[in-house]
All heavy atoms as atom14 arrays in JSON, in Angstrom:
{
  "sequence": "ERAFVAAIDLSGGSADYTNSVAGRFTISRDNAKNTVSLQMNRLKPEDT",
  "atom14_mask": [
    [1, 1, 1, 1, 1, 1, 1, 1, 1, 0, 0, 0, 0, 0],
    [1, 1, 1, 1, 1, 1, 1, 1, 1, 1, 1, 0, 0, 0],
    [1, 1, 1, 1, 1, 0, 0, 0, 0, 0, 0, 0, 0, 0],
    [1, 1, 1, 1, 1, 1, 1, 1, 1, 1, 1, 0, 0, 0],
    [1, 1, 1, 1, 1, 1, 1, 0, 0, 0, 0, 0, 0, 0],
    [1, 1, 1, 1, 1, 0, 0, 0, 0, 0, 0, 0, 0, 0],
    [1, 1, 1, 1, 1, 0, 0, 0, 0, 0, 0, 0, 0, 0],
    [1, 1, 1, 1, 1, 1, 1, 1, 0, 0, 0, 0, 0, 0],
    [1, 1, 1, 1, 1, 1, 1, 1, 0, 0, 0, 0, 0, 0],
    [1, 1, 1, 1, 1, 1, 1, 1, 0, 0, 0, 0, 0, 0],
    [1, 1, 1, 1, 1, 1, 0, 0, 0, 0, 0, 0, 0, 0],
    [1, 1, 1, 1, 0, 0, 0, 0, 0, 0, 0, 0, 0, 0],
    [1, 1, 1, 1, 0, 0, 0, 0, 0, 0, 0, 0, 0, 0],
    [1, 1, 1, 1, 1, 1, 0, 0, 0, 0, 0, 0, 0, 0],
    [1, 1, 1, 1, 1, 0, 0, 0, 0, 0, 0, 0, 0, 0],
    [1, 1, 1, 1, 1, 1, 1, 1, 0, 0, 0, 0, 0, 0],
    [1, 1, 1, 1, 1, 1, 1, 1, 1, 1, 1, 1, 0, 0],
    [1, 1, 1, 1, 1, 1, 1, 0, 0, 0, 0, 0, 0, 0],
    [1, 1, 1, 1, 1, 1, 1, 1, 0, 0, 0, 0, 0, 0],
    [1, 1, 1, 1, 1, 1, 0, 0, 0, 0, 0, 0, 0, 0],
    [1, 1, 1, 1, 1, 1, 1, 0, 0, 0, 0, 0, 0, 0],
    [1, 1, 1, 1, 1, 0, 0, 0, 0, 0, 0, 0, 0, 0],
    [1, 1, 1, 1, 0, 0, 0, 0, 0, 0, 0, 0, 0, 0],
    [1, 1, 1, 1, 1, 1, 1, 1, 1, 1, 1, 0, 0, 0],
    [1, 1, 1, 1, 1, 1, 1, 1, 1, 1, 1, 0, 0, 0],
    [1, 1, 1, 1, 1, 1, 1, 0, 0, 0, 0, 0, 0, 0],
    [1, 1, 1, 1, 1, 1, 1, 1, 0, 0, 0, 0, 0, 0],
    [1, 1, 1, 1, 1, 1, 0, 0, 0, 0, 0, 0, 0, 0],
    [1, 1, 1, 1, 1, 1, 1, 1, 1, 1, 1, 0, 0, 0],
    [1, 1, 1, 1, 1, 1, 1, 1, 0, 0, 0, 0, 0, 0],
    [1, 1, 1, 1, 1, 1, 1, 1, 0, 0, 0, 0, 0, 0],
    [1, 1, 1, 1, 1, 0, 0, 0, 0, 0, 0, 0, 0, 0],
    [1, 1, 1, 1, 1, 1, 1, 1, 1, 0, 0, 0, 0, 0],
    [1, 1, 1, 1, 1, 1, 1, 1, 0, 0, 0, 0, 0, 0],
    [1, 1, 1, 1, 1, 1, 1, 0, 0, 0, 0, 0, 0, 0],
    [1, 1, 1, 1, 1, 1, 1, 0, 0, 0, 0, 0, 0, 0],
    [1, 1, 1, 1, 1, 1, 0, 0, 0, 0, 0, 0, 0, 0],
    [1, 1, 1, 1, 1, 1, 1, 1, 0, 0, 0, 0, 0, 0],
    [1, 1, 1, 1, 1, 1, 1, 1, 1, 0, 0, 0, 0, 0],
    [1, 1, 1, 1, 1, 1, 1, 1, 0, 0, 0, 0, 0, 0],
    [1, 1, 1, 1, 1, 1, 1, 1, 0, 0, 0, 0, 0, 0],
    [1, 1, 1, 1, 1, 1, 1, 1, 1, 1, 1, 0, 0, 0],
    [1, 1, 1, 1, 1, 1, 1, 1, 0, 0, 0, 0, 0, 0],
    [1, 1, 1, 1, 1, 1, 1, 1, 1, 0, 0, 0, 0, 0],
    [1, 1, 1, 1, 1, 1, 1, 0, 0, 0, 0, 0, 0, 0],
    [1, 1, 1, 1, 1, 1, 1, 1, 1, 0, 0, 0, 0, 0],
    [1, 1, 1, 1, 1, 1, 1, 1, 0, 0, 0, 0, 0, 0],
    [1, 1, 1, 1, 1, 1, 1, 0, 0, 0, 0, 0, 0, 0]
  ],
  "atom14_positions": [
    [[11.86, 1.68, 14.4], [10.53, 1.12, 14.61], [9.84, 0.91, 13.26], [10.22, 1.51, 12.26], [9.7, 2.07, 15.48], [10.22, 2.22, 16.9], [9.32, 3.1, 17.75], [8.39, 3.72, 17.18], [9.55, 3.18, 18.96], [0.0, 0.0, 0.0], [0.0, 0.0, 0.0], [0.0, 0.0, 0.0], [0.0, 0.0, 0.0], [0.0, 0.0, 0.0]],
    [[8.84, 0.06, 13.27], [8.05, -0.12, 12.05], [7.33, 1.17, 11.7], [6.79, 1.85, 12.57], [7.03, -1.25, 12.24], [7.67, -2.62, 12.34], [6.65, -3.71, 12.39], [7.28, -4.96, 12.81], [6.65, -6.12, 12.93], [5.33, -6.19, 12.65], [7.3, -7.19, 13.31], [0.0, 0.0, 0.0], [0.0, 0.0, 0.0], [0.0, 0.0, 0.0]],
    [[7.33, 1.46, 10.41], [6.73, 2.7, 9.93], [5.58, 2.4, 8.98], [5.65, 1.47, 8.17], [7.78, 3.54, 9.21], [0.0, 0.0, 0.0], [0.0, 0.0, 0.0], [0.0, 0.0, 0.0], [0.0, 0.0, 0.0], [0.0, 0.0, 0.0], [0.0, 0.0, 0.0], [0.0, 0.0, 0.0], [0.0, 0.0, 0.0], [0.0, 0.0, 0.0]],
    [[4.55, 3.19, 9.08], [3.37, 3.04, 8.23], [3.72, 3.29, 6.77], [4.42, 4.25, 6.44], [2.3, 4.03, 8.69], [1.11, 4.11, 7.79], [0.18, 3.09, 7.74], [0.9, 5.23, 6.98], [-0.93, 3.17, 6.93], [-0.19, 5.33, 6.16], [-1.13, 4.29, 6.13], [0.0, 0.0, 0.0], [0.0, 0.0, 0.0], [0.0, 0.0, 0.0]],
    [[3.2, 2.42, 5.9], [3.38, 2.59, 4.47], [2.04, 2.86, 3.79], [1.88, 3.85, 3.09], [4.03, 1.34, 3.84], [4.13, 1.49, 2.32], [5.4, 1.08, 4.44], [0.0, 0.0, 0.0], [0.0, 0.0, 0.0], [0.0, 0.0, 0.0], [0.0, 0.0, 0.0], [0.0, 0.0, 0.0], [0.0, 0.0, 0.0], [0.0, 0.0, 0.0]],
    [[1.07, 1.97, 4.0], [-0.22, 2.1, 3.34], [-1.26, 1.3, 4.09], [-0.92, 0.32, 4.77], [-0.14, 1.61, 1.89], [0.0, 0.0, 0.0], [0.0, 0.0, 0.0], [0.0, 0.0, 0.0], [0.0, 0.0, 0.0], [0.0, 0.0, 0.0], [0.0, 0.0, 0.0], [0.0, 0.0, 0.0], [0.0, 0.0, 0.0], [0.0, 0.0, 0.0]],
    [[-2.52, 1.72, 3.98], [-3.63, 0.99, 4.59], [-4.83, 1.02, 3.66], [-4.96, 1.95, 2.83], [-4.0, 1.6, 5.94], [0.0, 0.0, 0.0], [0.0, 0.0, 0.0], [0.0, 0.0, 0.0], [0.0, 0.0, 0.0], [0.0, 0.0, 0.0], [0.0, 0.0, 0.0], [0.0, 0.0, 0.0], [0.0, 0.0, 0.0], [0.0, 0.0, 0.0]],
    [[-5.7, 0.04, 3.82], [-6.9, -0.05, 3.0], [-8.06, -0.46, 3.89], [-7.9, -1.28, 4.8], [-6.69, -1.03, 1.82], [-7.84, -0.94, 0.82], [-6.46, -2.45, 2.32], [-7.5, -1.61, -0.52], [0.0, 0.0, 0.0], [0.0, 0.0, 0.0], [0.0, 0.0, 0.0], [0.0, 0.0, 0.0], [0.0, 0.0, 0.0], [0.0, 0.0, 0.0]],
    [[-9.22, 0.12, 3.63], [-10.36, -0.13, 4.51], [-11.01, -1.48, 4.2], [-10.57, -2.22, 3.34], [-11.36, 1.02, 4.44], [-12.17, 1.05, 3.15], [-11.81, 0.34, 2.18], [-13.15, 1.8, 3.1], [0.0, 0.0, 0.0], [0.0, 0.0, 0.0], [0.0, 0.0, 0.0], [0.0, 0.0, 0.0], [0.0, 0.0, 0.0], [0.0, 0.0, 0.0]],
    [[-12.08, -1.79, 4.94], [-12.69, -3.11, 4.88], [-13.13, -3.5, 3.48], [-12.95, -4.64, 3.04], [-13.88, -3.19, 5.84], [-13.65, -2.83, 7.3], [-14.9, -3.09, 8.11], [-12.47, -3.57, 7.87], [0.0, 0.0, 0.0], [0.0, 0.0, 0.0], [0.0, 0.0, 0.0], [0.0, 0.0, 0.0], [0.0, 0.0, 0.0], [0.0, 0.0, 0.0]],
    [[-13.71, -2.56, 2.75], [-14.26, -2.87, 1.43], [-13.25, -2.71, 0.31], [-13.48, -3.17, -0.81], [-15.46, -1.95, 1.14], [-15.02, -0.62, 0.98], [0.0, 0.0, 0.0], [0.0, 0.0, 0.0], [0.0, 0.0, 0.0], [0.0, 0.0, 0.0], [0.0, 0.0, 0.0], [0.0, 0.0, 0.0], [0.0, 0.0, 0.0], [0.0, 0.0, 0.0]],
    [[-12.15, -2.01, 0.61], [-11.19, -1.7, -0.44], [-11.49, -0.39, -1.15], [-10.8, -0.02, -2.09], [0.0, 0.0, 0.0], [0.0, 0.0, 0.0], [0.0, 0.0, 0.0], [0.0, 0.0, 0.0], [0.0, 0.0, 0.0], [0.0, 0.0, 0.0], [0.0, 0.0, 0.0], [0.0, 0.0, 0.0], [0.0, 0.0, 0.0], [0.0, 0.0, 0.0]],
    [[-12.5, 0.33, -0.67], [-12.89, 1.56, -1.32], [-12.06, 2.77, -0.93], [-12.06, 3.78, -1.63], [0.0, 0.0, 0.0], [0.0, 0.0, 0.0], [0.0, 0.0, 0.0], [0.0, 0.0, 0.0], [0.0, 0.0, 0.0], [0.0, 0.0, 0.0], [0.0, 0.0, 0.0], [0.0, 0.0, 0.0], [0.0, 0.0, 0.0], [0.0, 0.0, 0.0]],
    [[-11.36, 2.67, 0.2], [-10.52, 3.78, 0.64], [-9.13, 3.26, 0.97], [-8.98, 2.16, 1.5], [-11.12, 4.44, 1.89], [-12.36, 5.04, 1.6], [0.0, 0.0, 0.0], [0.0, 0.0, 0.0], [0.0, 0.0, 0.0], [0.0, 0.0, 0.0], [0.0, 0.0, 0.0], [0.0, 0.0, 0.0], [0.0, 0.0, 0.0], [0.0, 0.0, 0.0]],
    [[-8.14, 4.08, 0.65], [-6.75, 3.73, 0.93], [-5.99, 4.99, 1.29], [-6.41, 6.11, 0.93], [-6.11, 3.04, -0.27], [0.0, 0.0, 0.0], [0.0, 0.0, 0.0], [0.0, 0.0, 0.0], [0.0, 0.0, 0.0], [0.0, 0.0, 0.0], [0.0, 0.0, 0.0], [0.0, 0.0, 0.0], [0.0, 0.0, 0.0], [0.0, 0.0, 0.0]],
    [[-4.91, 4.81, 2.0], [-4.08, 5.95, 2.37], [-2.63, 5.51, 2.38], [-2.33, 4.32, 2.56], [-4.5, 6.5, 3.73], [-3.97, 7.89, 3.99], [-3.53, 8.56, 3.03], [-3.98, 8.32, 5.16], [0.0, 0.0, 0.0], [0.0, 0.0, 0.0], [0.0, 0.0, 0.0], [0.0, 0.0, 0.0], [0.0, 0.0, 0.0], [0.0, 0.0, 0.0]],
    [[-1.73, 6.49, 2.2], [-0.32, 6.2, 2.05], [0.51, 7.2, 2.84], [0.12, 8.36, 3.0], [0.08, 6.28, 0.57], [-0.72, 5.37, -0.32], [-1.93, 5.78, -0.87], [-0.28, 4.08, -0.6], [-2.68, 4.94, -1.67], [-1.02, 3.23, -1.4], [-2.22, 3.67, -1.93], [-2.95, 2.82, -2.74], [0.0, 0.0, 0.0], [0.0, 0.0, 0.0]],
    [[1.68, 6.77, 3.25], [2.62, 7.73, 3.77], [3.13, 8.57, 2.61], [3.17, 8.12, 1.45], [3.78, 7.02, 4.49], [4.54, 7.97, 5.22], [4.68, 6.28, 3.52], [0.0, 0.0, 0.0], [0.0, 0.0, 0.0], [0.0, 0.0, 0.0], [0.0, 0.0, 0.0], [0.0, 0.0, 0.0], [0.0, 0.0, 0.0], [0.0, 0.0, 0.0]],
    [[3.51, 9.8, 2.9], [3.84, 10.75, 1.83], [4.95, 10.25, 0.91], [4.92, 10.49, -0.31], [4.25, 12.09, 2.44], [3.08, 12.86, 3.03], [1.93, 12.56, 2.74], [3.36, 13.84, 3.86], [0.0, 0.0, 0.0], [0.0, 0.0, 0.0], [0.0, 0.0, 0.0], [0.0, 0.0, 0.0], [0.0, 0.0, 0.0], [0.0, 0.0, 0.0]],
    [[5.92, 9.55, 1.46], [7.09, 9.18, 0.67], [6.79, 8.13, -0.41], [7.59, 7.94, -1.32], [8.22, 8.67, 1.57], [7.8, 7.52, 2.27], [0.0, 0.0, 0.0], [0.0, 0.0, 0.0], [0.0, 0.0, 0.0], [0.0, 0.0, 0.0], [0.0, 0.0, 0.0], [0.0, 0.0, 0.0], [0.0, 0.0, 0.0], [0.0, 0.0, 0.0]],
    [[5.64, 7.45, -0.3], [5.3, 6.43, -1.31], [4.07, 6.8, -2.12], [3.75, 6.11, -3.11], [5.08, 5.04, -0.66], [6.25, 4.68, 0.24], [3.76, 4.97, 0.1], [0.0, 0.0, 0.0], [0.0, 0.0, 0.0], [0.0, 0.0, 0.0], [0.0, 0.0, 0.0], [0.0, 0.0, 0.0], [0.0, 0.0, 0.0], [0.0, 0.0, 0.0]],
    [[3.36, 7.84, -1.73], [2.14, 8.25, -2.44], [2.48, 8.52, -3.9], [3.46, 9.21, -4.21], [1.54, 9.47, -1.78], [0.0, 0.0, 0.0], [0.0, 0.0, 0.0], [0.0, 0.0, 0.0], [0.0, 0.0, 0.0], [0.0, 0.0, 0.0], [0.0, 0.0, 0.0], [0.0, 0.0, 0.0], [0.0, 0.0, 0.0], [0.0, 0.0, 0.0]],
    [[1.67, 7.96, -4.79], [1.9, 8.11, -6.21], [2.8, 7.05, -6.81], [2.87, 6.91, -8.04], [0.0, 0.0, 0.0], [0.0, 0.0, 0.0], [0.0, 0.0, 0.0], [0.0, 0.0, 0.0], [0.0, 0.0, 0.0], [0.0, 0.0, 0.0], [0.0, 0.0, 0.0], [0.0, 0.0, 0.0], [0.0, 0.0, 0.0], [0.0, 0.0, 0.0]],
    [[3.48, 6.29, -5.97], [4.36, 5.2, -6.47], [3.84, 3.82, -6.05], [4.0, 2.86, -6.79], [5.78, 5.38, -5.91], [6.46, 6.65, -6.33], [7.94, 6.66, -5.93], [8.12, 6.6, -4.48], [8.8, 5.64, -3.84], [9.36, 4.66, -4.52], [8.95, 5.69, -2.52], [0.0, 0.0, 0.0], [0.0, 0.0, 0.0], [0.0, 0.0, 0.0]],
    [[3.23, 3.75, -4.87], [2.72, 2.48, -4.35], [1.2, 2.46, -4.41], [0.54, 3.49, -4.26], [3.14, 2.3, -2.89], [4.6, 2.06, -2.66], [5.55, 2.24, -3.67], [5.05, 1.65, -1.41], [6.9, 2.03, -3.44], [6.4, 1.42, -1.16], [7.32, 1.62, -2.17], [0.0, 0.0, 0.0], [0.0, 0.0, 0.0], [0.0, 0.0, 0.0]],
    [[0.66, 1.26, -4.6], [-0.79, 1.08, -4.59], [-1.15, -0.15, -3.77], [-0.64, -1.25, -4.04], [-1.35, 0.91, -6.01], [-1.0, 2.05, -6.8], [-2.87, 0.78, -5.98], [0.0, 0.0, 0.0], [0.0, 0.0, 0.0], [0.0, 0.0, 0.0], [0.0, 0.0, 0.0], [0.0, 0.0, 0.0], [0.0, 0.0, 0.0], [0.0, 0.0, 0.0]],
    [[-2.01, 0.04, -2.77], [-2.48, -1.08, -1.98], [-3.85, -1.52, -2.49], [-4.67, -0.68, -2.9], [-2.56, -0.7, -0.48], [-2.87, -1.92, 0.39], [-3.55, 0.43, -0.24], [-2.76, -1.64, 1.9], [0.0, 0.0, 0.0], [0.0, 0.0, 0.0], [0.0, 0.0, 0.0], [0.0, 0.0, 0.0], [0.0, 0.0, 0.0], [0.0, 0.0, 0.0]],
    [[-4.08, -2.82, -2.5], [-5.37, -3.34, -2.94], [-5.69, -4.6, -2.15], [-4.8, -5.19, -1.52], [-5.35, -3.65, -4.44], [-4.35, -4.61, -4.75], [0.0, 0.0, 0.0], [0.0, 0.0, 0.0], [0.0, 0.0, 0.0], [0.0, 0.0, 0.0], [0.0, 0.0, 0.0], [0.0, 0.0, 0.0], [0.0, 0.0, 0.0], [0.0, 0.0, 0.0]],
    [[-6.94, -5.01, -2.18], [-7.34, -6.23, -1.47], [-8.38, -6.97, -2.28], [-9.14, -6.37, -3.05], [-7.86, -5.91, -0.07], [-9.17, -5.16, -0.02], [-9.52, -4.73, 1.42], [-9.74, -5.87, 2.3], [-9.73, -5.77, 3.63], [-9.49, -4.61, 4.22], [-9.97, -6.85, 4.37], [0.0, 0.0, 0.0], [0.0, 0.0, 0.0], [0.0, 0.0, 0.0]],
    [[-8.44, -8.27, -2.05], [-9.44, -9.12, -2.65], [-10.07, -9.93, -1.53], [-9.48, -10.9, -1.06], [-8.81, -10.03, -3.71], [-9.84, -10.84, -4.48], [-10.94, -11.09, -3.95], [-9.55, -11.25, -5.6], [0.0, 0.0, 0.0], [0.0, 0.0, 0.0], [0.0, 0.0, 0.0], [0.0, 0.0, 0.0], [0.0, 0.0, 0.0], [0.0, 0.0, 0.0]],
    [[-11.24, -9.51, -1.09], [-11.87, -10.16, 0.05], [-12.34, -11.57, -0.27], [-12.49, -12.4, 0.62], [-13.03, -9.33, 0.57], [-12.57, -8.1, 1.34], [-11.41, -8.01, 1.75], [-13.45, -7.14, 1.52], [0.0, 0.0, 0.0], [0.0, 0.0, 0.0], [0.0, 0.0, 0.0], [0.0, 0.0, 0.0], [0.0, 0.0, 0.0], [0.0, 0.0, 0.0]],
    [[-12.56, -11.86, -1.54], [-12.97, -13.21, -1.93], [-11.8, -14.19, -1.82], [-12.01, -15.39, -1.59], [-13.51, -13.2, -3.35], [0.0, 0.0, 0.0], [0.0, 0.0, 0.0], [0.0, 0.0, 0.0], [0.0, 0.0, 0.0], [0.0, 0.0, 0.0], [0.0, 0.0, 0.0], [0.0, 0.0, 0.0], [0.0, 0.0, 0.0], [0.0, 0.0, 0.0]],
    [[-10.59, -13.67, -1.99], [-9.4, -14.52, -1.96], [-8.59, -14.34, -0.68], [-7.55, -14.98, -0.5], [-8.51, -14.23, -3.17], [-9.15, -14.56, -4.5], [-8.21, -14.29, -5.65], [-8.85, -14.66, -6.98], [-7.94, -14.39, -8.12], [0.0, 0.0, 0.0], [0.0, 0.0, 0.0], [0.0, 0.0, 0.0], [0.0, 0.0, 0.0], [0.0, 0.0, 0.0]],
    [[-9.07, -13.44, 0.22], [-8.36, -13.18, 1.48], [-6.91, -12.75, 1.24], [-5.97, -13.26, 1.87], [-8.38, -14.41, 2.4], [-9.72, -14.6, 3.08], [-10.7, -13.95, 2.73], [-9.77, -15.5, 4.04], [0.0, 0.0, 0.0], [0.0, 0.0, 0.0], [0.0, 0.0, 0.0], [0.0, 0.0, 0.0], [0.0, 0.0, 0.0], [0.0, 0.0, 0.0]],
    [[-6.74, -11.81, 0.33], [-5.4, -11.33, 0.03], [-5.36, -9.81, 0.01], [-6.37, -9.14, -0.29], [-4.91, -11.85, -1.33], [-5.82, -11.41, -2.35], [-4.81, -13.36, -1.36], [0.0, 0.0, 0.0], [0.0, 0.0, 0.0], [0.0, 0.0, 0.0], [0.0, 0.0, 0.0], [0.0, 0.0, 0.0], [0.0, 0.0, 0.0], [0.0, 0.0, 0.0]],
    [[-4.2, -9.28, 0.32], [-3.92, -7.85, 0.17], [-2.57, -7.73, -0.52], [-1.68, -8.55, -0.28], [-3.94, -7.12, 1.54], [-2.89, -7.68, 2.47], [-3.77, -5.63, 1.35], [0.0, 0.0, 0.0], [0.0, 0.0, 0.0], [0.0, 0.0, 0.0], [0.0, 0.0, 0.0], [0.0, 0.0, 0.0], [0.0, 0.0, 0.0], [0.0, 0.0, 0.0]],
    [[-2.46, -6.76, -1.39], [-1.25, -6.6, -2.18], [-0.72, -5.18, -2.09], [-1.47, -4.25, -1.77], [-1.53, -6.94, -3.65], [-1.95, -8.28, -3.8], [0.0, 0.0, 0.0], [0.0, 0.0, 0.0], [0.0, 0.0, 0.0], [0.0, 0.0, 0.0], [0.0, 0.0, 0.0], [0.0, 0.0, 0.0], [0.0, 0.0, 0.0], [0.0, 0.0, 0.0]],
    [[0.55, -5.04, -2.38], [1.18, -3.72, -2.44], [2.0, -3.66, -3.73], [3.04, -4.34, -3.82], [2.06, -3.46, -1.23], [2.66, -2.06, -1.14], [1.56, -1.02, -0.87], [3.73, -1.99, -0.05], [0.0, 0.0, 0.0], [0.0, 0.0, 0.0], [0.0, 0.0, 0.0], [0.0, 0.0, 0.0], [0.0, 0.0, 0.0], [0.0, 0.0, 0.0]],
    [[1.52, -2.92, -4.7], [2.26, -2.71, -5.94], [3.21, -1.55, -5.73], [2.77, -0.43, -5.42], [1.3, -2.42, -7.09], [1.98, -2.12, -8.4], [2.73, -3.32, -8.95], [2.24, -4.45, -8.9], [3.91, -3.09, -9.49], [0.0, 0.0, 0.0], [0.0, 0.0, 0.0], [0.0, 0.0, 0.0], [0.0, 0.0, 0.0], [0.0, 0.0, 0.0]],
    [[4.49, -1.79, -5.9], [5.5, -0.77, -5.64], [6.21, -0.44, -6.95], [6.88, -1.31, -7.52], [6.5, -1.26, -4.6], [5.85, -1.73, -3.31], [7.04, -2.15, -2.03], [7.82, -3.57, -2.77], [0.0, 0.0, 0.0], [0.0, 0.0, 0.0], [0.0, 0.0, 0.0], [0.0, 0.0, 0.0], [0.0, 0.0, 0.0], [0.0, 0.0, 0.0]],
    [[6.05, 0.77, -7.42], [6.67, 1.22, -8.66], [7.73, 2.28, -8.38], [7.72, 2.92, -7.32], [5.61, 1.79, -9.6], [4.57, 0.76, -10.0], [4.86, -0.44, -10.1], [3.36, 1.21, -10.26], [0.0, 0.0, 0.0], [0.0, 0.0, 0.0], [0.0, 0.0, 0.0], [0.0, 0.0, 0.0], [0.0, 0.0, 0.0], [0.0, 0.0, 0.0]],
    [[8.62, 2.46, -9.33], [9.67, 3.48, -9.24], [10.36, 3.39, -7.88], [10.49, 4.39, -7.16], [9.1, 4.87, -9.48], [8.37, 4.99, -10.81], [8.12, 6.43, -11.21], [7.42, 7.21, -10.23], [6.11, 7.21, -10.04], [5.35, 6.43, -10.79], [5.56, 7.98, -9.12], [0.0, 0.0, 0.0], [0.0, 0.0, 0.0], [0.0, 0.0, 0.0]],
    [[10.8, 2.21, -7.55], [11.41, 1.98, -6.24], [12.7, 2.78, -6.09], [13.44, 3.02, -7.06], [11.69, 0.49, -6.05], [10.44, -0.33, -5.66], [10.65, -1.81, -5.94], [10.1, -0.1, -4.19], [0.0, 0.0, 0.0], [0.0, 0.0, 0.0], [0.0, 0.0, 0.0], [0.0, 0.0, 0.0], [0.0, 0.0, 0.0], [0.0, 0.0, 0.0]],
    [[12.96, 3.17, -4.85], [14.14, 3.95, -4.51], [14.94, 3.19, -3.45], [14.38, 2.38, -2.7], [13.72, 5.31, -3.94], [12.84, 6.13, -4.85], [12.41, 7.42, -4.16], [11.51, 8.25, -5.06], [11.1, 9.52, -4.4], [0.0, 0.0, 0.0], [0.0, 0.0, 0.0], [0.0, 0.0, 0.0], [0.0, 0.0, 0.0], [0.0, 0.0, 0.0]],
    [[16.24, 3.47, -3.36], [17.04, 2.79, -2.32], [16.46, 2.99, -0.92], [16.56, 2.07, -0.08], [18.41, 3.44, -2.47], [18.48, 3.8, -3.92], [17.09, 4.24, -4.28], [0.0, 0.0, 0.0], [0.0, 0.0, 0.0], [0.0, 0.0, 0.0], [0.0, 0.0, 0.0], [0.0, 0.0, 0.0], [0.0, 0.0, 0.0], [0.0, 0.0, 0.0]],
    [[15.86, 4.13, -0.67], [15.29, 4.37, 0.67], [14.03, 3.55, 0.95], [13.51, 3.57, 2.06], [14.99, 5.86, 0.87], [14.18, 6.51, -0.23], [15.07, 7.23, -1.24], [16.11, 6.67, -1.65], [14.69, 8.36, -1.65], [0.0, 0.0, 0.0], [0.0, 0.0, 0.0], [0.0, 0.0, 0.0], [0.0, 0.0, 0.0], [0.0, 0.0, 0.0]],
    [[13.53, 2.82, -0.05], [12.43, 1.9, 0.18], [12.91, 0.55, 0.73], [12.09, -0.3, 1.08], [11.66, 1.64, -1.12], [10.95, 2.87, -1.66], [10.38, 3.63, -0.84], [10.99, 3.1, -2.88], [0.0, 0.0, 0.0], [0.0, 0.0, 0.0], [0.0, 0.0, 0.0], [0.0, 0.0, 0.0], [0.0, 0.0, 0.0], [0.0, 0.0, 0.0]],
    [[14.22, 0.37, 0.8], [14.78, -0.87, 1.33], [14.35, -1.06, 2.78], [14.54, -0.18, 3.62], [16.31, -0.84, 1.25], [16.69, -0.82, -0.14], [16.91, -2.06, 1.92], [0.0, 0.0, 0.0], [0.0, 0.0, 0.0], [0.0, 0.0, 0.0], [0.0, 0.0, 0.0], [0.0, 0.0, 0.0], [0.0, 0.0, 0.0], [0.0, 0.0, 0.0]]
  ]
}
């Protein structure tokens, strides 16, 4: 099944992550551009 990775609130002021990606991934959003991004660092094979 699909598994939660990260979420960000309406303003972008709060974010949360699943434990396995915390500290490696960063979620962000730009409400002016209608975009959300996920920066993934130090990737591991289990992130496939």
